[in-house]
Protein backbone atom coordinates (compact mmCIF):
# COMPACT_ATOMS: atom_id res chain seq x y z
CA MET A 1 -10.22 -9.88 4.27
CA TYR A 2 -7.42 -11.75 2.52
CA SER A 3 -9.63 -14.74 1.87
CA TRP A 4 -12.30 -12.44 0.42
CA ILE A 5 -9.74 -10.92 -1.97
CA TRP A 6 -8.40 -14.38 -2.87
CA ARG A 7 -11.90 -15.69 -3.65
CA HIS A 8 -12.73 -12.69 -5.86
CA LEU A 9 -9.54 -12.68 -7.92
CA PRO A 10 -10.08 -14.42 -11.28
CA GLY A 11 -8.13 -17.42 -12.55
CA ARG A 12 -6.12 -20.21 -11.05
CA ALA A 13 -3.54 -19.89 -8.27
CA PRO A 14 -0.65 -18.42 -10.34
CA VAL A 15 -2.95 -15.75 -11.79
CA LYS A 16 -4.32 -15.00 -8.34
CA VAL A 17 -0.80 -14.63 -6.93
CA ALA A 18 0.10 -12.20 -9.73
CA GLY A 19 -3.10 -10.25 -9.09
CA ALA A 20 -2.41 -10.13 -5.36
CA VAL A 21 1.13 -8.88 -6.02
CA LEU A 22 -0.23 -6.18 -8.34
CA LEU A 23 -2.82 -5.12 -5.76
CA THR A 24 -0.14 -4.92 -3.09
CA ALA A 25 2.17 -2.91 -5.35
CA ALA A 26 -0.68 -0.52 -6.20
CA ALA A 27 -1.50 -0.03 -2.51
CA VAL A 28 2.15 0.63 -1.64
CA ALA A 29 2.52 3.07 -4.56
CA PHE A 30 -0.63 4.92 -3.48
CA LEU A 31 0.64 5.23 0.08
CA TRP A 32 4.16 6.22 -0.96
CA PHE A 33 3.33 8.78 -3.66
CA VAL A 34 -0.08 10.15 -2.60
CA LEU A 35 -0.99 9.64 1.04
CA PHE A 36 2.37 10.03 2.80
CA PRO A 37 3.28 13.30 1.01
CA ALA A 38 -0.20 14.66 1.76
CA VAL A 39 0.16 14.12 5.52
CA ASP A 40 3.87 14.95 5.74
CA GLY A 41 3.22 18.48 6.94
CA LEU A 42 0.92 17.25 9.70
CA LEU A 43 3.49 14.94 11.29
CA PRO A 44 5.79 16.29 14.02
CA PHE A 45 8.92 14.43 12.84
CA ASP A 46 10.51 17.55 11.31
CA ASP A 47 10.62 19.37 14.67
CA VAL A 48 14.02 18.04 15.73
CA THR A 49 16.21 20.05 18.06
CA VAL A 50 19.81 19.01 18.54
CA GLU A 51 21.87 20.95 21.04
């Protein structure tokens, strides 16, 4: 998968590295701000009982 992305990014190596960093940052931002808050209520991590 990584080689497929690398082959399809335009430009020489420095431009490809910048594009890969931007793709990674976009994926992390999507997970952090969209996906994780959407599934937060479905996860059992808030059911903590301390006695």
